[in-house]
Each structure stands twice: as C-alpha cells, then as structure tokens.
Amino acid sequence: MTSEEFEAVSLRLGRHDTKIDEVAKAVLVNGTKPLDAAIRFNISWQRVNHIVRRFRAAARDVPPEWRRVEVWLPESLAARVEALAEKARANHVKS
C-alpha cells in the first residue's frame, strides 16, 4: 500500500488514536513484520493483526465487523454460501 492509499484509508476509518495509524503504516506501508511492530509499539501481536485487518478491510470497502471465511464444502453447500455472501454484499452496498 502506498502512503497516499494509506492516508485515504485512514480518513475513511474516521477518528482514531495516532498510534493506530503509526502501527498500521509501519506494517502496511513500510513493510514491518507484525511481530516487530508489536515490539516497537509495545502492544500485543494480536492487536497489531486486528489493526492491520481493519485497515485492509477499509481499503477493500468491507465493513470492519465482517470477517473472511475460507472453508472446503460440498458443491451444493458452497453454492448456498456463495449466494449468501452475494446477498450480504448487495445489502451492504444498498445501505
């Protein structure tokens, strides 16, 4: 992610602590490993991962409370899950 893209995503996320921006920028723009960022900013690696996931979701215009799910399913179930995902995306776009 470029610095310009990062700034746009940060604005889209609204008000938040400056430290959150610093953590996300270190990982997403500067290429710092999440564990190294956790040590540098004195926070848990889980917190770093949460911050990074939130920024990546905003970059893709995905609601932050959504989560990615990857599973292996029989064809019939996979088709239903894909239909549910499409319906959720369509409802999100309308709102």
N, C-alpha and C. Protein backbone atom coordinates (compact mmCIF):
# COMPACT_ATOMS: atom_id res chain seq x y z
N MET A 1 0.85 -1.17 0.00
CA MET A 1 0.00 0.00 0.00
C MET A 1 0.90 1.24 0.00
N THR A 2 0.56 2.21 -0.83
CA THR A 2 1.35 3.44 -0.86
C THR A 2 0.94 4.36 0.28
N SER A 3 1.76 5.36 0.54
CA SER A 3 1.43 6.34 1.58
C SER A 3 0.12 7.06 1.28
N GLU A 4 -0.10 7.37 0.00
CA GLU A 4 -1.32 8.08 -0.40
C GLU A 4 -2.55 7.19 -0.17
N GLU A 5 -2.44 5.93 -0.55
CA GLU A 5 -3.54 4.99 -0.32
C GLU A 5 -3.82 4.84 1.17
N PHE A 6 -2.74 4.77 1.94
CA PHE A 6 -2.89 4.64 3.39
C PHE A 6 -3.63 5.83 3.98
N GLU A 7 -3.26 7.02 3.57
CA GLU A 7 -3.91 8.22 4.10
C GLU A 7 -5.41 8.23 3.77
N ALA A 8 -5.76 7.80 2.57
CA ALA A 8 -7.17 7.74 2.18
C ALA A 8 -7.93 6.74 3.04
N VAL A 9 -7.32 5.59 3.29
CA VAL A 9 -7.97 4.57 4.13
C VAL A 9 -8.12 5.09 5.56
N SER A 10 -7.09 5.73 6.06
CA SER A 10 -7.14 6.27 7.42
C SER A 10 -8.28 7.28 7.57
N LEU A 11 -8.45 8.13 6.57
CA LEU A 11 -9.55 9.09 6.60
C LEU A 11 -10.91 8.38 6.56
N ARG A 12 -11.00 7.33 5.77
CA ARG A 12 -12.25 6.57 5.66
C ARG A 12 -12.63 5.95 7.00
N LEU A 13 -11.62 5.58 7.78
CA LEU A 13 -11.89 4.95 9.08
C LEU A 13 -12.34 5.95 10.14
N GLY A 14 -12.16 7.22 9.88
CA GLY A 14 -12.59 8.24 10.84
C GLY A 14 -11.60 8.43 11.97
N ARG A 15 -12.09 9.03 13.05
CA ARG A 15 -11.21 9.35 14.18
C ARG A 15 -10.71 8.11 14.87
N HIS A 16 -9.42 8.09 15.13
CA HIS A 16 -8.81 7.04 15.93
C HIS A 16 -7.46 7.54 16.43
N ASP A 17 -6.92 6.83 17.38
CA ASP A 17 -5.66 7.19 18.01
C ASP A 17 -4.52 7.24 16.98
N THR A 18 -3.65 8.21 17.12
CA THR A 18 -2.49 8.36 16.23
C THR A 18 -1.61 7.11 16.24
N LYS A 19 -1.52 6.45 17.39
CA LYS A 19 -0.70 5.25 17.50
C LYS A 19 -1.22 4.16 16.56
N ILE A 20 -2.53 4.07 16.39
CA ILE A 20 -3.12 3.09 15.48
C ILE A 20 -2.63 3.33 14.06
N ASP A 21 -2.63 4.60 13.65
CA ASP A 21 -2.10 4.95 12.33
C ASP A 21 -0.64 4.55 12.20
N GLU A 22 0.14 4.82 13.24
CA GLU A 22 1.57 4.50 13.19
C GLU A 22 1.80 3.00 13.06
N VAL A 23 1.03 2.21 13.80
CA VAL A 23 1.17 0.76 13.73
C VAL A 23 0.80 0.26 12.34
N ALA A 24 -0.37 0.69 11.86
CA ALA A 24 -0.84 0.24 10.54
C ALA A 24 0.12 0.66 9.44
N LYS A 25 0.61 1.89 9.51
CA LYS A 25 1.53 2.38 8.47
C LYS A 25 2.84 1.61 8.49
N ALA A 26 3.32 1.30 9.68
CA ALA A 26 4.57 0.54 9.78
C ALA A 26 4.45 -0.80 9.06
N VAL A 27 3.31 -1.48 9.23
CA VAL A 27 3.12 -2.79 8.62
C VAL A 27 2.74 -2.68 7.15
N LEU A 28 1.73 -1.86 6.85
CA LEU A 28 1.16 -1.83 5.50
C LEU A 28 1.97 -1.02 4.49
N VAL A 29 2.62 0.03 4.94
CA VAL A 29 3.37 0.90 4.01
C VAL A 29 4.87 0.60 4.07
N ASN A 30 5.38 0.48 5.28
CA ASN A 30 6.83 0.31 5.44
C ASN A 30 7.29 -1.14 5.41
N GLY A 31 6.34 -2.08 5.48
CA GLY A 31 6.70 -3.49 5.39
C GLY A 31 7.23 -4.11 6.67
N THR A 32 7.01 -3.46 7.80
CA THR A 32 7.44 -4.02 9.08
C THR A 32 6.63 -5.28 9.38
N LYS A 33 7.28 -6.30 9.89
CA LYS A 33 6.57 -7.52 10.27
C LYS A 33 5.69 -7.22 11.48
N PRO A 34 4.49 -7.81 11.53
CA PRO A 34 3.58 -7.55 12.66
C PRO A 34 4.23 -7.78 14.03
N LEU A 35 5.00 -8.83 14.18
CA LEU A 35 5.64 -9.08 15.48
C LEU A 35 6.64 -7.97 15.82
N ASP A 36 7.38 -7.51 14.83
CA ASP A 36 8.32 -6.41 15.07
C ASP A 36 7.57 -5.12 15.43
N ALA A 37 6.43 -4.90 14.79
CA ALA A 37 5.62 -3.72 15.11
C ALA A 37 5.08 -3.82 16.53
N ALA A 38 4.66 -5.01 16.93
CA ALA A 38 4.16 -5.21 18.29
C ALA A 38 5.23 -4.85 19.32
N ILE A 39 6.44 -5.29 19.07
CA ILE A 39 7.55 -4.99 19.99
C ILE A 39 7.84 -3.49 19.97
N ARG A 40 7.92 -2.92 18.78
CA ARG A 40 8.25 -1.49 18.65
C ARG A 40 7.22 -0.59 19.34
N PHE A 41 5.93 -0.93 19.19
CA PHE A 41 4.88 -0.07 19.75
C PHE A 41 4.36 -0.56 21.10
N ASN A 42 4.99 -1.61 21.62
CA ASN A 42 4.65 -2.14 22.93
C ASN A 42 3.18 -2.54 23.05
N ILE A 43 2.71 -3.27 22.05
CA ILE A 43 1.35 -3.81 22.07
C ILE A 43 1.43 -5.28 21.66
N SER A 44 0.35 -6.01 21.86
CA SER A 44 0.36 -7.43 21.51
C SER A 44 0.33 -7.62 19.99
N TRP A 45 0.84 -8.76 19.54
CA TRP A 45 0.81 -9.04 18.10
C TRP A 45 -0.63 -9.22 17.65
N GLN A 46 -1.51 -9.69 18.56
CA GLN A 46 -2.92 -9.82 18.22
C GLN A 46 -3.54 -8.46 17.92
N ARG A 47 -3.16 -7.47 18.72
CA ARG A 47 -3.66 -6.10 18.50
C ARG A 47 -3.16 -5.57 17.16
N VAL A 48 -1.90 -5.82 16.85
CA VAL A 48 -1.35 -5.39 15.56
C VAL A 48 -2.16 -6.03 14.43
N ASN A 49 -2.40 -7.33 14.52
CA ASN A 49 -3.17 -8.01 13.48
C ASN A 49 -4.58 -7.46 13.35
N HIS A 50 -5.20 -7.12 14.46
CA HIS A 50 -6.54 -6.53 14.42
C HIS A 50 -6.51 -5.18 13.69
N ILE A 51 -5.54 -4.37 14.02
CA ILE A 51 -5.41 -3.05 13.38
C ILE A 51 -5.19 -3.21 11.88
N VAL A 52 -4.29 -4.09 11.50
CA VAL A 52 -3.97 -4.30 10.09
C VAL A 52 -5.19 -4.84 9.34
N ARG A 53 -5.91 -5.80 9.94
CA ARG A 53 -7.13 -6.33 9.30
C ARG A 53 -8.16 -5.23 9.08
N ARG A 54 -8.30 -4.35 10.05
CA ARG A 54 -9.26 -3.25 9.94
C ARG A 54 -8.91 -2.31 8.79
N PHE A 55 -7.64 -1.98 8.67
CA PHE A 55 -7.20 -1.10 7.58
C PHE A 55 -7.36 -1.78 6.22
N ARG A 56 -7.00 -3.06 6.16
CA ARG A 56 -7.16 -3.79 4.88
C ARG A 56 -8.62 -3.89 4.47
N ALA A 57 -9.49 -4.12 5.44
CA ALA A 57 -10.92 -4.19 5.15
C ALA A 57 -11.43 -2.85 4.63
N ALA A 58 -10.99 -1.77 5.26
CA ALA A 58 -11.41 -0.44 4.81
C ALA A 58 -10.89 -0.16 3.41
N ALA A 59 -9.70 -0.65 3.11
CA ALA A 59 -9.13 -0.45 1.78
C ALA A 59 -9.97 -1.17 0.73
N ARG A 60 -10.60 -2.27 1.10
CA ARG A 60 -11.45 -3.02 0.18
C ARG A 60 -12.92 -2.63 0.32
N ASP A 61 -13.19 -1.63 1.15
CA ASP A 61 -14.56 -1.18 1.43
C ASP A 61 -15.41 -2.31 1.99
N VAL A 62 -14.82 -3.07 2.91
CA VAL A 62 -15.52 -4.14 3.61
C VAL A 62 -15.79 -3.65 5.02
N PRO A 63 -17.00 -3.82 5.53
CA PRO A 63 -17.27 -3.39 6.90
C PRO A 63 -16.30 -4.03 7.89
N PRO A 64 -15.78 -3.28 8.84
CA PRO A 64 -14.77 -3.82 9.76
C PRO A 64 -15.25 -4.98 10.62
N GLU A 65 -16.57 -5.09 10.83
CA GLU A 65 -17.07 -6.18 11.66
C GLU A 65 -17.24 -7.48 10.87
N TRP A 66 -17.07 -7.43 9.55
CA TRP A 66 -17.12 -8.64 8.72
C TRP A 66 -15.80 -9.37 8.85
N ARG A 67 -15.82 -10.66 8.60
CA ARG A 67 -14.56 -11.41 8.59
C ARG A 67 -14.54 -12.37 7.42
N ARG A 68 -13.35 -12.63 6.95
CA ARG A 68 -13.14 -13.54 5.82
C ARG A 68 -13.23 -14.97 6.32
N VAL A 69 -13.93 -15.80 5.56
CA VAL A 69 -14.07 -17.21 5.92
C VAL A 69 -13.71 -18.05 4.71
N GLU A 70 -12.79 -18.97 4.89
CA GLU A 70 -12.42 -19.91 3.82
C GLU A 70 -12.62 -21.31 4.34
N VAL A 71 -13.46 -22.07 3.68
CA VAL A 71 -13.71 -23.46 4.07
C VAL A 71 -13.89 -24.32 2.82
N TRP A 72 -13.68 -25.60 2.97
CA TRP A 72 -13.95 -26.56 1.91
C TRP A 72 -15.33 -27.14 2.17
N LEU A 73 -16.20 -27.08 1.15
CA LEU A 73 -17.58 -27.56 1.29
C LEU A 73 -17.98 -28.38 0.08
N PRO A 74 -18.98 -29.26 0.26
CA PRO A 74 -19.55 -29.92 -0.91
C PRO A 74 -20.14 -28.87 -1.85
N GLU A 75 -20.17 -29.16 -3.11
CA GLU A 75 -20.63 -28.20 -4.13
C GLU A 75 -21.97 -27.56 -3.78
N SER A 76 -22.93 -28.36 -3.34
CA SER A 76 -24.26 -27.82 -3.05
C SER A 76 -24.23 -26.80 -1.91
N LEU A 77 -23.45 -27.07 -0.88
CA LEU A 77 -23.34 -26.11 0.22
C LEU A 77 -22.55 -24.88 -0.20
N ALA A 78 -21.50 -25.08 -0.98
CA ALA A 78 -20.68 -23.96 -1.44
C ALA A 78 -21.53 -22.97 -2.23
N ALA A 79 -22.40 -23.47 -3.07
CA ALA A 79 -23.26 -22.60 -3.87
C ALA A 79 -24.17 -21.77 -2.97
N ARG A 80 -24.69 -22.39 -1.92
CA ARG A 80 -25.56 -21.64 -0.98
C ARG A 80 -24.77 -20.58 -0.22
N VAL A 81 -23.57 -20.92 0.21
CA VAL A 81 -22.75 -19.96 0.95
C VAL A 81 -22.37 -18.79 0.04
N GLU A 82 -22.02 -19.08 -1.19
CA GLU A 82 -21.69 -18.00 -2.13
C GLU A 82 -22.89 -17.10 -2.37
N ALA A 83 -24.09 -17.68 -2.45
CA ALA A 83 -25.31 -16.89 -2.63
C ALA A 83 -25.55 -16.00 -1.41
N LEU A 84 -25.33 -16.54 -0.23
CA LEU A 84 -25.48 -15.73 1.00
C LEU A 84 -24.48 -14.57 1.01
N ALA A 85 -23.24 -14.84 0.61
CA ALA A 85 -22.22 -13.79 0.58
C ALA A 85 -22.60 -12.69 -0.41
N GLU A 86 -23.10 -13.08 -1.56
CA GLU A 86 -23.50 -12.09 -2.57
C GLU A 86 -24.66 -11.25 -2.06
N LYS A 87 -25.60 -11.87 -1.39
CA LYS A 87 -26.75 -11.14 -0.83
C LYS A 87 -26.28 -10.15 0.24
N ALA A 88 -25.35 -10.58 1.10
CA ALA A 88 -24.81 -9.69 2.13
C ALA A 88 -24.10 -8.50 1.51
N ARG A 89 -23.29 -8.75 0.46
CA ARG A 89 -22.60 -7.64 -0.22
C ARG A 89 -23.60 -6.68 -0.83
N ALA A 90 -24.63 -7.22 -1.48
CA ALA A 90 -25.65 -6.37 -2.12
C ALA A 90 -26.38 -5.53 -1.07
N ASN A 91 -26.70 -6.12 0.06
CA ASN A 91 -27.38 -5.38 1.13
C ASN A 91 -26.47 -4.30 1.71
N HIS A 92 -25.19 -4.60 1.79
CA HIS A 92 -24.22 -3.62 2.30
C HIS A 92 -24.11 -2.43 1.36
N VAL A 93 -24.08 -2.68 0.07
CA VAL A 93 -23.95 -1.62 -0.93
C VAL A 93 -25.17 -0.73 -0.89
N LYS A 94 -26.36 -1.30 -0.70
CA LYS A 94 -27.61 -0.52 -0.66
C LYS A 94 -27.66 0.40 0.55
N SER A 95 -27.06 -0.01 1.67
CA SER A 95 -27.16 0.79 2.90
C SER A 95 -26.13 1.86 3.01
